[in-house]
Protein backbone atom coordinates (compact mmCIF):
# COMPACT_ATOMS: atom_id res chain seq x y z
CA MET A 1 13.32 -6.22 -53.77
CA ARG A 2 9.82 -6.69 -53.09
CA PHE A 3 10.29 -8.06 -49.52
CA PHE A 4 12.72 -5.09 -48.51
CA GLY A 5 9.82 -3.06 -49.32
CA VAL A 6 7.16 -4.84 -47.95
CA PHE A 7 9.40 -5.07 -45.08
CA ALA A 8 10.68 -1.24 -44.79
CA VAL A 9 6.49 -0.40 -45.28
CA TRP A 10 6.05 -2.97 -42.13
CA VAL A 11 9.16 -1.21 -40.09
CA GLY A 12 7.94 2.55 -40.99
CA LEU A 13 3.87 1.20 -39.51
CA SER A 14 5.47 -0.56 -36.74
CA MET A 15 7.13 2.53 -35.44
CA GLN A 16 3.99 4.74 -35.72
CA ALA A 17 2.22 3.20 -34.17
CA SER A 18 4.58 2.47 -31.49
CA ALA A 19 4.89 6.36 -31.28
CA SER A 20 1.25 6.56 -31.03
CA GLU A 21 0.84 4.26 -28.69
CA LEU A 22 -0.82 5.06 -25.32
CA ARG A 23 1.57 5.03 -21.95
CA VAL A 24 0.92 4.66 -18.36
CA ALA A 25 3.55 4.27 -15.66
CA VAL A 26 2.32 3.22 -12.60
CA ASP A 27 3.91 2.72 -9.32
CA ILE A 28 3.21 -0.45 -7.69
CA ALA A 29 1.27 -3.62 -8.43
CA PRO A 30 -1.85 -2.76 -6.92
CA ILE A 31 -2.32 0.05 -8.71
CA HIS A 32 -1.20 -1.33 -11.63
CA SER A 33 -4.11 -3.82 -11.37
CA ILE A 34 -6.64 -1.50 -11.25
CA VAL A 35 -5.12 0.79 -14.08
CA ALA A 36 -5.00 -2.56 -16.14
CA GLN A 37 -8.91 -3.39 -15.56
CA VAL A 38 -9.98 -0.21 -16.92
CA ALA A 39 -7.26 -0.30 -19.55
CA GLY A 40 -7.82 -3.37 -21.06
CA ASP A 41 -5.64 -3.93 -23.98
CA LYS A 42 -5.79 -0.22 -25.23
CA VAL A 43 -2.71 0.80 -23.17
CA ARG A 44 1.11 -0.23 -22.26
CA LEU A 45 1.25 -0.69 -19.18
CA ASP A 46 4.79 -0.22 -16.93
CA LEU A 47 5.42 -0.84 -13.58
CA ILE A 48 8.21 0.78 -11.87
CA VAL A 49 8.13 -1.00 -8.35
CA PRO A 50 8.15 -4.67 -8.94
CA VAL A 51 5.71 -6.72 -6.68
CA ASN A 52 7.99 -7.88 -4.47
CA ALA A 53 10.17 -4.88 -3.86
CA SER A 54 9.46 -2.25 -1.14
CA PRO A 55 8.17 0.73 -2.19
CA HIS A 56 9.25 2.90 0.35
CA ASP A 57 12.65 2.62 -0.59
CA HIS A 58 13.54 1.26 -4.10
CA ALA A 59 16.41 2.25 -6.39
CA MET A 60 14.90 2.59 -9.79
CA ARG A 61 16.58 0.85 -12.57
CA PRO A 62 17.49 2.08 -15.97
CA SER A 63 14.56 0.88 -17.84
CA ASP A 64 12.24 2.71 -15.16
CA ALA A 65 13.38 5.53 -15.59
CA TYR A 66 13.27 5.03 -19.93
CA ASN A 67 9.63 3.46 -19.49
CA LEU A 68 9.11 6.94 -16.85
CA SER A 69 10.09 8.96 -19.80
CA LYS A 70 7.91 7.60 -22.56
CA ALA A 71 4.95 7.95 -20.19
CA ASN A 72 1.73 9.70 -21.19
CA VAL A 73 -0.15 8.99 -17.76
CA VAL A 74 1.56 8.23 -14.46
CA VAL A 75 -0.23 7.11 -11.72
CA TRP A 76 1.05 6.60 -8.23
CA VAL A 77 0.25 6.75 -4.85
CA GLY A 78 1.90 9.53 -3.58
CA ASP A 79 4.75 11.08 -1.41
CA GLY A 80 4.03 9.29 1.76
CA LEU A 81 4.56 5.98 -0.04
CA THR A 82 6.95 6.52 -2.44
CA PRO A 83 8.91 9.91 -1.86
CA TRP A 84 11.78 8.63 -3.79
CA LEU A 85 9.63 9.07 -6.71
CA GLU A 86 8.66 12.79 -6.82
CA GLY A 87 12.25 13.71 -8.60
CA PRO A 88 12.17 11.25 -11.51
CA ILE A 89 8.40 11.48 -12.18
CA GLU A 90 9.05 15.31 -12.27
CA ASN A 91 12.13 15.62 -14.33
CA LEU A 92 11.73 12.25 -16.39
CA ALA A 93 8.00 12.88 -17.21
CA SER A 94 7.28 16.23 -17.16
CA THR A 95 4.93 16.15 -19.77
CA ALA A 96 3.05 13.88 -18.60
CA ARG A 97 -0.31 13.98 -16.74
CA HIS A 98 -0.02 13.34 -13.29
CA ILE A 99 -2.53 10.98 -10.88
CA GLU A 100 -1.22 11.14 -7.17
CA LEU A 101 -4.14 9.30 -5.65
CA LEU A 102 -3.28 10.57 -2.48
CA GLY A 103 -4.13 13.56 -3.67
CA LEU A 104 -7.10 13.59 -4.96
CA PRO A 105 -9.98 14.69 -3.23
CA GLU A 106 -12.08 11.46 -3.75
CA THR A 107 -9.64 9.52 -1.67
CA GLN A 108 -10.24 8.44 1.75
CA VAL A 109 -7.41 9.35 3.88
CA LEU A 110 -6.69 7.62 7.31
CA PRO A 111 -4.58 9.32 9.95
CA PHE A 112 -1.65 7.41 11.12
CA ARG A 113 -2.13 4.98 14.39
CA GLU A 114 0.15 6.44 16.58
CA GLY A 115 1.66 4.03 19.67
CA ALA A 116 1.58 0.07 20.77
CA GLY A 117 -2.56 0.05 21.31
CA PHE A 118 -4.83 1.14 19.11
CA GLY A 119 -8.27 2.67 19.54
CA LYS A 120 -9.79 0.99 22.60
CA HIS A 121 -7.16 -1.14 22.87
CA SER A 122 -4.80 1.64 23.44
CA HIS A 123 -4.71 2.74 26.88
CA GLY A 124 -3.44 5.66 26.65
CA GLU A 125 -0.10 4.61 25.35
CA HIS A 126 1.06 6.64 22.20
CA ALA A 127 4.38 6.23 20.41
CA PRO A 128 6.85 7.11 20.61
CA GLU A 129 7.24 4.73 23.58
CA GLU A 130 10.73 5.61 23.91
CA GLU A 131 10.33 8.74 25.14
CA HIS A 132 10.77 7.77 28.51
CA ASP A 133 13.04 5.13 28.75
CA GLY A 134 15.87 5.47 31.07
CA HIS A 135 13.73 6.68 33.59
CA ASP A 136 13.33 3.46 35.56
CA ASP A 137 17.08 2.96 36.05
CA GLY A 138 17.41 6.03 38.20
CA HIS A 139 20.09 7.40 36.15
CA SER A 140 20.21 10.62 34.61
CA GLU A 141 23.62 11.09 33.16
CA GLY A 142 22.77 11.92 29.13
CA HIS A 143 19.05 12.40 29.46
CA GLU A 144 18.99 15.73 27.52
CA GLY A 145 20.92 14.45 25.07
CA LYS A 146 18.66 11.20 24.63
CA HIS A 147 15.39 13.09 25.33
CA GLU A 148 16.22 15.65 22.08
CA GLU A 149 17.55 12.82 20.12
CA VAL A 150 13.44 11.29 20.98
CA GLN A 151 12.04 14.61 20.41
CA ASP A 152 13.72 15.50 17.09
CA GLU A 153 12.50 11.37 16.30
CA GLN A 154 8.75 11.94 17.39
CA GLU A 155 8.56 15.18 15.28
CA GLU A 156 10.08 13.66 11.55
CA ARG A 157 7.63 10.93 12.61
CA HIS A 158 5.25 13.33 12.54
CA ASP A 159 6.09 14.68 9.54
CA ASP A 160 6.63 11.69 7.97
CA HIS A 161 2.55 10.67 8.75
CA ALA A 162 1.17 14.36 7.91
CA GLU A 163 0.18 12.86 4.79
CA GLY A 164 -2.15 10.23 6.78
CA ASP A 165 -1.73 6.36 5.93
CA PRO A 166 -0.36 5.67 2.50
CA HIS A 167 -2.24 2.45 2.38
CA VAL A 168 -5.15 3.42 0.34
CA TRP A 169 -5.59 1.07 -2.11
CA LEU A 170 -6.93 -1.22 1.02
CA ASP A 171 -10.06 0.51 0.50
CA PRO A 172 -11.70 -0.79 -2.19
CA GLN A 173 -14.25 2.23 -2.09
CA ASN A 174 -10.76 4.36 -2.87
CA ALA A 175 -10.06 2.10 -6.04
CA ILE A 176 -13.94 2.18 -7.26
CA ALA A 177 -13.09 6.13 -7.23
CA TRP A 178 -10.23 5.66 -8.79
CA ALA A 179 -10.93 4.33 -11.62
CA TYR A 180 -13.33 6.24 -12.59
CA VAL A 181 -10.80 9.08 -12.33
CA ILE A 182 -8.52 6.95 -14.58
CA ALA A 183 -10.92 6.44 -17.06
CA GLY A 184 -11.47 10.25 -17.86
CA ALA A 185 -8.09 10.39 -17.94
CA LEU A 186 -7.25 7.68 -20.51
CA GLY A 187 -10.06 8.90 -22.47
CA GLU A 188 -8.66 12.39 -22.88
CA GLU A 189 -5.38 11.28 -24.10
CA ASP A 190 -7.40 8.31 -26.37
CA PRO A 191 -10.20 10.04 -27.00
CA GLN A 192 -11.56 7.12 -30.01
CA ASN A 193 -11.56 4.54 -26.53
CA SER A 194 -13.16 6.52 -24.63
CA ALA A 195 -16.04 4.83 -23.96
CA LEU A 196 -14.40 1.65 -23.57
CA TYR A 197 -12.21 3.06 -20.32
CA GLU A 198 -15.28 3.85 -18.71
CA ALA A 199 -17.30 0.86 -19.81
CA ASN A 200 -14.43 -0.98 -18.42
CA ALA A 201 -14.75 1.49 -14.77
CA LYS A 202 -18.36 0.63 -14.72
CA ALA A 203 -17.49 -2.89 -14.69
CA PHE A 204 -14.74 -2.77 -11.95
CA ASP A 205 -16.82 -0.89 -9.92
CA GLN A 206 -19.49 -3.85 -10.10
CA ARG A 207 -17.03 -6.78 -9.12
CA ILE A 208 -15.44 -4.92 -6.75
CA THR A 209 -18.54 -3.93 -5.26
CA VAL A 210 -19.74 -7.73 -5.47
CA MET A 211 -16.53 -8.63 -3.95
CA SER A 212 -16.82 -6.21 -0.84
CA GLY A 213 -20.09 -7.68 0.11
CA GLU A 214 -18.49 -11.10 -0.35
CA ILE A 215 -15.64 -10.11 2.02
CA ALA A 216 -17.48 -8.08 4.77
CA GLN A 217 -19.52 -11.23 5.32
CA GLN A 218 -16.89 -13.19 5.66
CA VAL A 219 -15.42 -11.45 8.41
CA GLU A 220 -18.23 -11.11 10.05
CA ALA A 221 -17.84 -13.98 12.31
CA ILE A 222 -14.87 -12.50 13.81
CA LYS A 223 -15.18 -9.31 14.32
CA ASP A 224 -14.85 -9.71 17.84
CA LEU A 225 -11.80 -11.46 17.73
CA SER A 226 -8.41 -10.32 18.57
CA PHE A 227 -5.20 -9.51 16.36
CA ILE A 228 -2.32 -7.51 16.02
CA VAL A 229 -0.11 -6.37 12.95
CA PHE A 230 3.61 -6.51 12.41
CA HIS A 231 3.50 -2.71 11.15
CA ASP A 232 0.30 -0.83 10.79
CA ALA A 233 -0.30 -1.22 7.35
CA PHE A 234 -3.92 -2.69 7.41
CA HIS A 235 -5.63 0.28 8.54
CA ASN A 236 -7.87 1.22 5.58
CA PHE A 237 -9.04 -1.99 5.29
CA GLU A 238 -9.91 -2.87 9.01
CA GLN A 239 -12.10 0.56 8.59
CA ARG A 240 -13.52 -0.33 5.43
CA PHE A 241 -15.05 -3.76 6.85
CA GLY A 242 -15.43 -3.07 10.12
CA ILE A 243 -12.69 -4.93 12.08
CA GLU A 244 -9.74 -3.60 14.44
CA ALA A 245 -6.19 -4.42 15.26
CA VAL A 246 -5.11 -4.10 18.93
CA GLY A 247 -2.22 -2.60 18.44
CA ALA A 248 1.12 -2.91 16.32
CA ILE A 249 4.43 -4.81 17.15
CA SER A 250 6.73 -2.12 15.36
CA ASP A 251 5.55 1.48 14.14
CA SER A 252 7.27 0.96 10.51
CA ASP A 253 8.65 -2.11 8.21
CA ALA A 254 12.00 -0.36 8.48
CA VAL A 255 12.38 0.40 11.92
CA PRO A 256 12.72 -2.69 14.63
CA PRO A 257 10.94 -1.72 17.72
CA SER A 258 12.52 -0.75 21.13
CA PRO A 259 12.12 -2.90 23.84
CA LYS A 260 10.08 -0.49 25.45
CA ARG A 261 7.76 -1.20 22.95
CA ILE A 262 7.83 -5.00 22.91
CA ALA A 263 6.81 -4.55 26.44
CA LEU A 264 3.76 -2.78 25.53
CA VAL A 265 2.45 -5.15 23.21
CA ARG A 266 3.34 -7.65 24.96
CA ASP A 267 0.74 -6.32 27.95
CA LEU A 268 -1.60 -5.66 25.12
CA VAL A 269 -1.18 -9.32 24.15
CA ALA A 270 -2.14 -10.60 27.18
CA ALA A 271 -4.47 -7.90 28.08
CA ASN A 272 -6.93 -8.84 25.01
CA ASP A 273 -6.52 -12.52 24.66
CA VAL A 274 -4.94 -12.00 21.14
CA GLN A 275 -5.22 -14.60 18.91
CA CYS A 276 -3.38 -13.83 15.79
CA VAL A 277 -0.54 -11.96 14.66
CA LEU A 278 -0.88 -10.64 10.69
CA SER A 279 2.19 -9.89 9.16
CA GLY A 280 3.92 -9.29 6.08
CA PRO A 281 5.83 -12.09 4.02
CA LEU A 282 9.09 -13.22 5.88
CA PRO A 283 8.28 -11.64 9.01
CA ASN A 284 11.13 -11.55 11.65
CA GLU A 285 9.48 -14.78 13.15
CA GLY A 286 11.99 -13.97 16.54
CA LEU A 287 10.63 -10.84 17.46
CA VAL A 288 6.89 -11.88 16.92
CA ARG A 289 7.25 -14.59 19.34
CA ALA A 290 8.96 -11.96 22.01
CA VAL A 291 5.43 -10.30 22.32
CA ALA A 292 3.08 -13.26 21.12
CA GLU A 293 4.51 -16.64 22.26
CA ASP A 294 1.92 -19.12 21.55
CA VAL A 295 0.07 -16.83 19.04
CA GLN A 296 -0.43 -18.07 15.53
CA ILE A 297 1.01 -15.86 12.64
CA VAL A 298 -0.61 -15.39 9.45
CA GLU A 299 0.75 -13.93 6.32
CA ALA A 300 -0.78 -11.22 4.02
CA ASP A 301 1.43 -8.57 2.17
CA ALA A 302 -0.32 -5.10 1.76
CA ALA A 303 1.19 -4.65 -1.49
CA GLY A 304 0.47 -8.14 -3.25
CA ALA A 305 3.66 -9.78 -2.72
CA GLY A 306 3.08 -13.81 -4.32
CA PHE A 307 0.92 -12.61 -6.58
CA ASP A 308 1.01 -12.40 -10.24
CA ILE A 309 0.95 -9.04 -11.56
CA GLY A 310 -1.58 -7.96 -13.87
CA PRO A 311 -5.73 -7.43 -13.55
CA GLN A 312 -6.30 -10.14 -11.06
CA LEU A 313 -3.76 -9.14 -8.54
CA TYR A 314 -5.84 -6.46 -7.02
CA GLU A 315 -8.95 -8.53 -6.11
CA SER A 316 -6.87 -11.39 -4.91
CA LEU A 317 -4.85 -8.80 -2.55
CA LEU A 318 -8.19 -7.91 -0.73
CA ARG A 319 -9.22 -11.42 -0.75
CA SER A 320 -5.77 -13.26 0.68
CA ILE A 321 -6.50 -10.39 3.86
CA GLY A 322 -9.76 -11.46 4.51
CA THR A 323 -9.15 -15.10 4.02
CA ALA A 324 -5.85 -14.73 6.15
CA LEU A 325 -8.13 -13.46 9.39
CA THR A 326 -10.13 -15.49 9.01
CA ALA A 327 -8.36 -19.03 8.63
CA CYS A 328 -6.15 -17.29 11.62
CA LEU A 329 -9.06 -16.06 13.99
CA SER A 330 -11.09 -19.06 13.83
CA LYS A 331 -8.66 -21.48 15.21
């Protein structure tokens, strides 16, 4: 009887502790890593999108929905990255504190780069290049319908890009700013640990500042060398560290490029002496070779695929991009 009495007290205390546990739901692994460094071991973190899944079209599992419904705080990049997540957050976590990173005034958001070529390399080529497909063969039949389809596609693409490039975590200055916002939010939910969260944010700031200096020094030697990306996911990293891709093979990782786009990128590769293709994991190598036959392909995933989930993932992710580029372009 004494055992059962002690067991009942233990169960009661465990349930009470569980009920008072601060829970944070996070959308993607890099943001989970940033929150983990601020929260330490005082918070339960639940990741909604698995590290190897696409954030753009992930199908939430029942366990994800449950974790979202139990969250006190939800931290997500925003509708520009995971449009499917807005509804579940509003419906399942309506009473939670919502931190949409793209909507924070502290977040530096870059515009999408339109077209096959970027910046000084663009030569006036802007997406969608497909708009002029069909002119070269001299046939006008069906052109009006084709033009309307392309125009609708272009308007839809611009609507999707209206909020800017959502890969904002690849700028470490954004991550530093978020750390303090997250620390403040956790401190309001858990006042007794607010000083710890603030101290963790400051420590994160110091580590990321040191890391940023090291990456800047690492890529200094390759600033004048040319590379292209499979799709435009690394703009924030490039802008922060003073490098720039020549162009992108595809406008999106979910939309294959048209023959016109492939031809344009092939011309960019030749004209700019491109030496490297920066691609996500498991690229379509045949498609890459169609535009850059003898160019080296190097992999780096913008969302941290291949890394262990946890506090170290964010720093490992940024370092991997710098290392990939320097290794590729130094050959």
